[in-house]
Protein backbone atom coordinates (compact mmCIF):
# COMPACT_ATOMS: atom_id res chain seq x y z
CA MET A 1 0.00 0.00 0.00
CA SER A 2 1.46 3.34 -1.04
CA ILE A 3 0.74 6.23 1.29
CA SER A 4 1.48 9.90 0.66
CA ARG A 5 4.33 11.19 2.78
CA ALA A 6 2.49 14.50 3.03
CA ALA A 7 -0.37 12.81 4.93
CA THR A 8 -1.07 14.03 8.44
CA GLY A 9 -3.28 12.32 10.99
CA GLY A 10 -3.55 10.09 14.00
CA MET A 11 -5.70 7.75 16.03
CA LEU A 12 -5.97 6.50 19.59
CA LEU A 13 -6.07 2.81 20.47
CA CYS A 14 -7.31 1.85 23.93
CA ARG A 15 -7.17 -1.70 25.22
CA ALA A 16 -10.71 -1.54 26.58
CA GLU A 17 -14.24 -1.83 25.20
CA PRO A 18 -16.04 1.34 23.98
CA LEU A 19 -18.32 1.32 27.03
CA ALA A 20 -15.29 1.96 29.27
CA VAL A 21 -13.62 4.40 26.87
CA ARG A 22 -16.67 6.58 26.22
CA PRO A 23 -16.84 8.51 29.55
CA PRO A 24 -13.22 9.74 29.74
CA ALA A 25 -13.10 10.37 25.98
CA HIS A 26 -16.30 12.41 26.29
CA LEU A 27 -14.59 14.66 28.85
CA LEU A 28 -11.95 15.71 26.31
CA ARG A 29 -14.52 18.17 24.87
CA VAL A 30 -13.64 17.35 21.26
CA ARG A 31 -15.63 15.56 18.56
CA LEU A 32 -14.41 12.00 18.25
CA LEU A 33 -15.49 8.86 16.43
CA LEU A 34 -15.37 5.80 18.70
CA ALA A 35 -15.53 2.25 17.34
CA PRO A 36 -14.72 -1.26 18.55
CA ALA A 37 -11.46 -2.71 17.24
CA GLY A 38 -11.42 -6.32 18.34
CA ALA A 39 -10.50 -6.42 22.03
CA TRP A 40 -9.61 -2.73 21.74
CA SER A 41 -11.36 0.55 20.92
CA VAL A 42 -10.25 3.07 18.33
CA LEU A 43 -10.80 6.83 18.49
CA VAL A 44 -10.46 9.09 15.44
CA PRO A 45 -10.70 12.92 15.66
CA GLU A 46 -13.58 14.48 13.73
CA ASP A 47 -11.52 17.66 13.31
CA LYS A 48 -7.83 18.56 13.00
CA PRO A 49 -7.02 20.16 16.38
CA TRP A 50 -3.29 20.30 15.66
CA ARG A 51 -3.99 23.10 13.16
CA ASP A 52 -5.08 25.50 15.90
CA GLY A 53 -1.89 25.67 17.96
CA PRO A 54 1.87 25.11 18.08
CA GLU A 55 1.63 21.44 19.07
CA THR A 56 2.37 18.56 16.75
CA VAL A 57 -0.11 15.75 16.11
CA MET A 58 1.88 13.57 18.51
CA GLU A 59 1.72 16.15 21.31
CA VAL A 60 -2.03 16.67 20.94
CA LEU A 61 -2.94 12.98 20.81
CA SER A 62 -0.46 12.05 23.52
CA GLY A 63 -2.20 14.44 25.91
CA TRP A 64 -5.58 12.95 25.03
CA GLY A 65 -4.21 9.44 25.43
CA SER A 66 -2.93 10.22 28.92
CA ALA A 67 -6.34 11.54 29.97
CA ILE A 68 -8.16 8.46 28.64
CA ALA A 69 -5.63 6.09 30.20
CA LEU A 70 -6.19 7.73 33.57
CA GLY A 71 -9.96 7.46 33.14
CA THR A 72 -9.98 3.81 32.08
CA ASP A 73 -6.90 2.50 33.91
CA ARG A 74 -6.00 0.76 30.65
CA PRO A 75 -3.13 1.39 28.20
CA VAL A 76 -3.75 3.89 25.41
CA LEU A 77 -1.56 3.96 22.31
CA SER A 78 -1.47 7.18 20.27
CA LEU A 79 -0.43 6.60 16.65
CA CYS A 80 0.62 9.68 14.67
CA TRP A 81 2.04 10.58 11.28
CA GLU A 82 3.00 13.99 9.98
CA GLY A 83 5.07 14.92 6.94
CA GLY A 84 6.58 11.45 6.58
CA ARG A 85 7.48 11.16 10.27
CA THR A 86 5.60 8.48 12.19
CA GLY A 87 5.51 7.36 15.78
CA PHE A 88 3.58 6.35 18.86
CA ALA A 89 3.12 7.33 22.48
CA LEU A 90 2.01 4.80 25.08
CA ALA A 91 0.14 6.11 28.13
CA GLY A 92 -0.78 3.98 31.12
CA GLY A 93 -2.61 5.75 33.93
CA PHE A 94 -0.15 7.34 36.33
CA ARG A 95 2.76 5.50 34.73
CA ARG A 96 5.25 7.44 32.64
CA THR A 97 4.30 7.90 28.99
CA VAL A 98 6.84 6.41 26.59
CA SER A 99 7.20 7.33 22.94
CA TYR A 100 9.04 6.34 19.79
CA ALA A 101 9.27 7.71 16.25
CA TRP A 102 10.77 7.14 12.81
CA ASP A 103 11.69 9.69 10.17
CA VAL A 104 10.74 9.41 6.51
CA THR A 105 13.64 7.02 5.82
CA GLY A 106 12.78 4.75 8.74
CA ARG A 107 15.61 5.99 10.94
CA PRO A 108 14.51 5.50 14.56
CA ALA A 109 14.48 8.08 17.32
CA GLY A 110 13.03 7.49 20.74
CA GLU A 111 13.44 6.19 24.25
CA PRO A 112 15.63 3.07 24.48
CA ASP A 113 13.12 1.23 26.69
CA ALA A 114 10.01 2.19 24.69
CA MET A 115 9.55 -1.19 22.99
CA ARG A 116 10.21 -3.12 26.19
CA ALA A 117 7.61 -0.98 28.00
CA LEU A 118 5.15 -1.48 25.12
CA SER A 119 5.58 -5.25 25.25
CA ALA A 120 5.21 -5.44 29.03
CA ARG A 121 2.22 -3.12 29.37
CA LEU A 122 0.29 -4.78 26.55
CA GLY A 123 1.05 -8.30 27.73
CA LEU A 124 2.91 -9.34 24.58
CA ASP A 125 5.27 -12.29 24.42
CA PRO A 126 8.42 -11.16 26.28
CA VAL A 127 10.66 -13.07 23.87
CA LEU A 128 9.22 -13.47 20.37
CA ASP A 129 7.06 -10.32 20.23
CA LEU A 130 9.69 -8.19 21.94
CA GLU A 131 12.28 -9.39 19.43
CA GLU A 132 10.06 -8.23 16.56
CA LEU A 133 9.43 -4.90 18.26
CA GLU A 134 13.12 -4.29 18.81
CA ARG A 135 13.77 -5.12 15.15
CA LEU A 136 11.70 -2.03 14.30
CA THR A 137 14.25 0.11 16.17
CA ARG A 138 17.22 -0.98 14.08
CA PRO A 139 18.19 1.15 11.07
CA GLY A 140 18.13 -0.85 7.87
CA SER A 141 19.35 -0.51 4.32
CA ASP A 142 16.05 -1.52 2.72
CA PRO A 143 14.48 1.70 1.34
CA ALA A 144 11.03 0.09 1.40
CA VAL A 145 11.14 -0.19 5.20
CA ASP A 146 10.46 3.48 5.91
CA GLY A 147 8.73 5.02 8.91
CA GLU A 148 5.26 4.30 7.53
CA ALA A 149 6.10 0.63 6.96
CA ARG A 150 7.43 0.31 10.50
CA LEU A 151 4.28 1.80 12.02
CA LEU A 152 2.14 -0.56 9.94
CA ALA A 153 4.29 -3.47 11.12
CA LEU A 154 3.73 -2.40 14.71
CA VAL A 155 -0.05 -2.39 14.22
CA ALA A 156 0.09 -5.80 12.54
CA LEU A 157 1.98 -7.20 15.52
CA LEU A 158 -0.67 -5.84 17.91
CA SER A 159 -3.18 -8.19 16.34
CA ARG A 160 -1.63 -10.81 18.63
CA ALA A 161 -2.94 -8.73 21.53
CA GLY A 162 -6.47 -8.71 20.09
CA LEU A 163 -6.35 -5.54 17.98
CA ALA A 164 -8.55 -5.68 14.86
CA LEU A 165 -8.93 -2.29 13.21
CA PRO A 166 -12.10 -1.71 11.15
CA PRO A 167 -11.68 -1.69 7.35
CA GLY A 168 -10.02 1.47 6.02
CA LEU A 169 -8.56 2.52 9.35
CA ALA A 170 -4.86 2.27 8.60
CA PRO A 171 -2.03 4.35 10.04
CA GLY A 172 -0.62 6.75 7.48
CA GLU A 173 -3.93 7.62 5.81
CA PRO A 174 -4.78 11.33 5.44
CA ALA A 175 -7.02 12.61 8.26
CA ASP A 176 -10.00 13.14 5.92
CA ARG A 177 -9.84 9.61 4.54
CA LEU A 178 -9.36 8.18 8.01
CA ARG A 179 -12.40 10.04 9.28
CA ALA A 180 -14.52 8.86 6.34
CA ALA A 181 -13.58 5.23 7.06
CA ALA A 182 -14.30 5.64 10.78
CA ARG A 183 -17.80 7.01 10.09
CA VAL A 184 -18.86 3.74 8.46
CA ALA A 185 -17.04 1.39 10.85
CA PRO A 186 -19.25 -1.27 12.50
CA GLY A 187 -20.55 -0.07 15.86
CA VAL A 188 -19.19 3.47 15.47
CA GLU A 189 -20.57 6.31 17.57
CA THR A 190 -19.91 10.04 17.62
CA LEU A 191 -18.86 11.62 20.90
CA GLU A 192 -20.02 15.20 21.29
CA TRP A 193 -19.59 17.56 24.19
CA SER A 194 -22.75 18.39 26.17
CA GLY A 195 -21.25 20.23 29.14
CA TRP A 196 -19.19 19.21 32.15
CA ARG A 197 -22.12 18.66 34.48
CA ASP A 198 -24.09 16.33 32.21
CA ALA A 199 -21.04 14.39 31.04
CA VAL A 200 -19.53 13.80 34.46
CA ARG A 201 -22.88 13.05 36.12
CA ALA A 202 -23.74 10.49 33.43
CA GLU A 203 -20.31 8.88 33.81
CA LEU A 204 -20.56 8.63 37.60
CA ASP A 205 -24.16 7.39 37.58
CA ALA A 206 -23.25 4.62 35.14
CA ALA A 207 -20.12 3.69 37.04
CA GLU A 208 -21.94 3.50 40.39
CA ARG A 209 -24.29 0.88 38.96
CA GLY A 210 -21.39 -1.24 37.71
CA PRO A 211 -18.45 -3.08 39.25
CA LEU A 212 -16.59 0.21 39.73
CA GLY A 213 -19.21 1.41 42.22
CA PRO A 214 -16.81 1.42 45.23
CA TRP A 215 -14.52 3.76 43.28
CA VAL A 216 -17.38 6.19 42.62
CA ARG A 217 -18.87 6.44 46.08
CA GLY A 218 -17.32 5.86 49.48
CA PRO A 219 -13.76 5.89 50.90
CA ARG A 220 -12.14 4.61 47.72
CA ALA A 221 -13.94 7.24 45.67
CA ARG A 222 -12.75 10.02 47.98
CA LEU A 223 -9.18 8.74 47.77
CA LEU A 224 -9.33 8.49 43.98
CA GLY A 225 -10.94 11.93 43.63
CA ALA A 226 -8.29 13.55 45.82
CA ALA A 227 -5.53 11.83 43.80
CA HIS A 228 -6.99 13.12 40.53
CA VAL A 229 -7.21 16.67 41.88
CA ALA A 230 -3.65 16.47 43.22
CA ALA A 231 -2.36 15.29 39.84
CA GLY A 232 -4.59 17.41 37.60
CA ALA A 233 -4.04 20.85 39.13
CA PRO A 234 -0.21 20.98 38.70
CA LEU A 235 -0.44 19.31 35.28
CA LEU A 236 -2.92 21.94 34.10
CA ALA A 237 -0.77 24.78 35.48
CA TRP A 238 2.34 23.35 33.79
CA ALA A 239 0.51 22.91 30.47
CA VAL A 240 -0.80 26.48 30.54
CA ARG A 241 2.71 27.80 31.10
CA ARG A 242 4.01 25.65 28.24
CA ARG A 243 1.02 26.56 26.02
CA SER A 244 0.34 22.88 25.50
CA PRO A 245 -3.37 22.33 24.70
CA GLY A 246 -3.08 18.55 24.64
CA TRP A 247 -1.65 18.28 28.15
CA ALA A 248 -3.90 21.11 29.36
CA THR A 249 -6.85 18.95 28.32
CA ALA A 250 -5.44 16.00 30.25
CA GLY A 251 -4.97 18.18 33.34
CA ALA A 252 -8.44 19.67 33.04
CA VAL A 253 -10.00 16.22 32.69
CA LEU A 254 -8.20 14.97 35.78
CA LEU A 255 -9.12 18.06 37.80
CA ALA A 256 -12.76 17.98 36.69
CA HIS A 257 -13.10 14.27 37.25
CA GLY A 258 -11.56 14.45 40.73
CA THR A 259 -13.65 17.43 41.75
CA ALA A 260 -16.83 15.83 40.40
CA THR A 261 -16.08 12.53 42.15
CA LEU A 262 -15.68 14.28 45.51
CA ALA A 263 -18.82 16.37 44.96
CA TYR A 264 -20.81 13.34 43.82
CA ASP A 265 -19.76 11.34 46.88
CA ARG A 266 -20.85 14.16 49.20
CA ALA A 267 -24.15 14.62 47.36
CA ARG A 268 -24.96 10.90 47.46
CA ALA A 269 -24.10 10.77 51.15
CA ARG A 270 -26.70 13.51 51.81
CA HIS A 271 -29.27 11.97 49.47
CA PRO A 272 -28.62 8.21 49.29
CA THR A 273 -31.59 7.41 47.04
């Protein structure tokens, strides 16, 4: 498959079902297309938010991925491509985000332990799968193995972890074509912002009725809410200073979620029914 090196776009892959991904993704306050992808979920932006600020596609999606990973407690992989450069960022709750990238010729650039962290956090085979991942970090003489080919190889390997992208959703596609394919994906839904109060209340109400109930109401909920506030406030302040919209969104989501969790717990304690 030949893909234009001028293509720009990205997607988010979360190792959780759409039902779990929907609430934290909703809090990002951006229009997203959410669809099942095997044992994963895939999120595709409806717009091109990287056009509105100084951040790259990777920086924008990495911030979103961190927010969703914190909300789901599951790994989120941000896949990005821009001007021939491709790469990924792996977020995992409060764990450090790791990233890796390739230039247009396939020359690697990234953290030395990125592939090892990817293999461990996604539960891949620590020998065979890790060996294939590390092969993607070695410069080669084959001109066909460019950055786009390496990102596609990474996605193909993730099929062993249950990833099955819907037809037409392939890394490297232009954002418009990617969005068009996502709109007709089986089980797709559009996430639209309806306000903090409605979104957070709906998320907490649904969570209280499920297995996560103890984390929504009671001592665990208060502990989790305080932790989110403690992490979100400094992250938001840092992002504002750095003029980083992607990380500002992650900080705002954490702060809003923590504040809402604490308020919800107090309100339910006063009115238990």
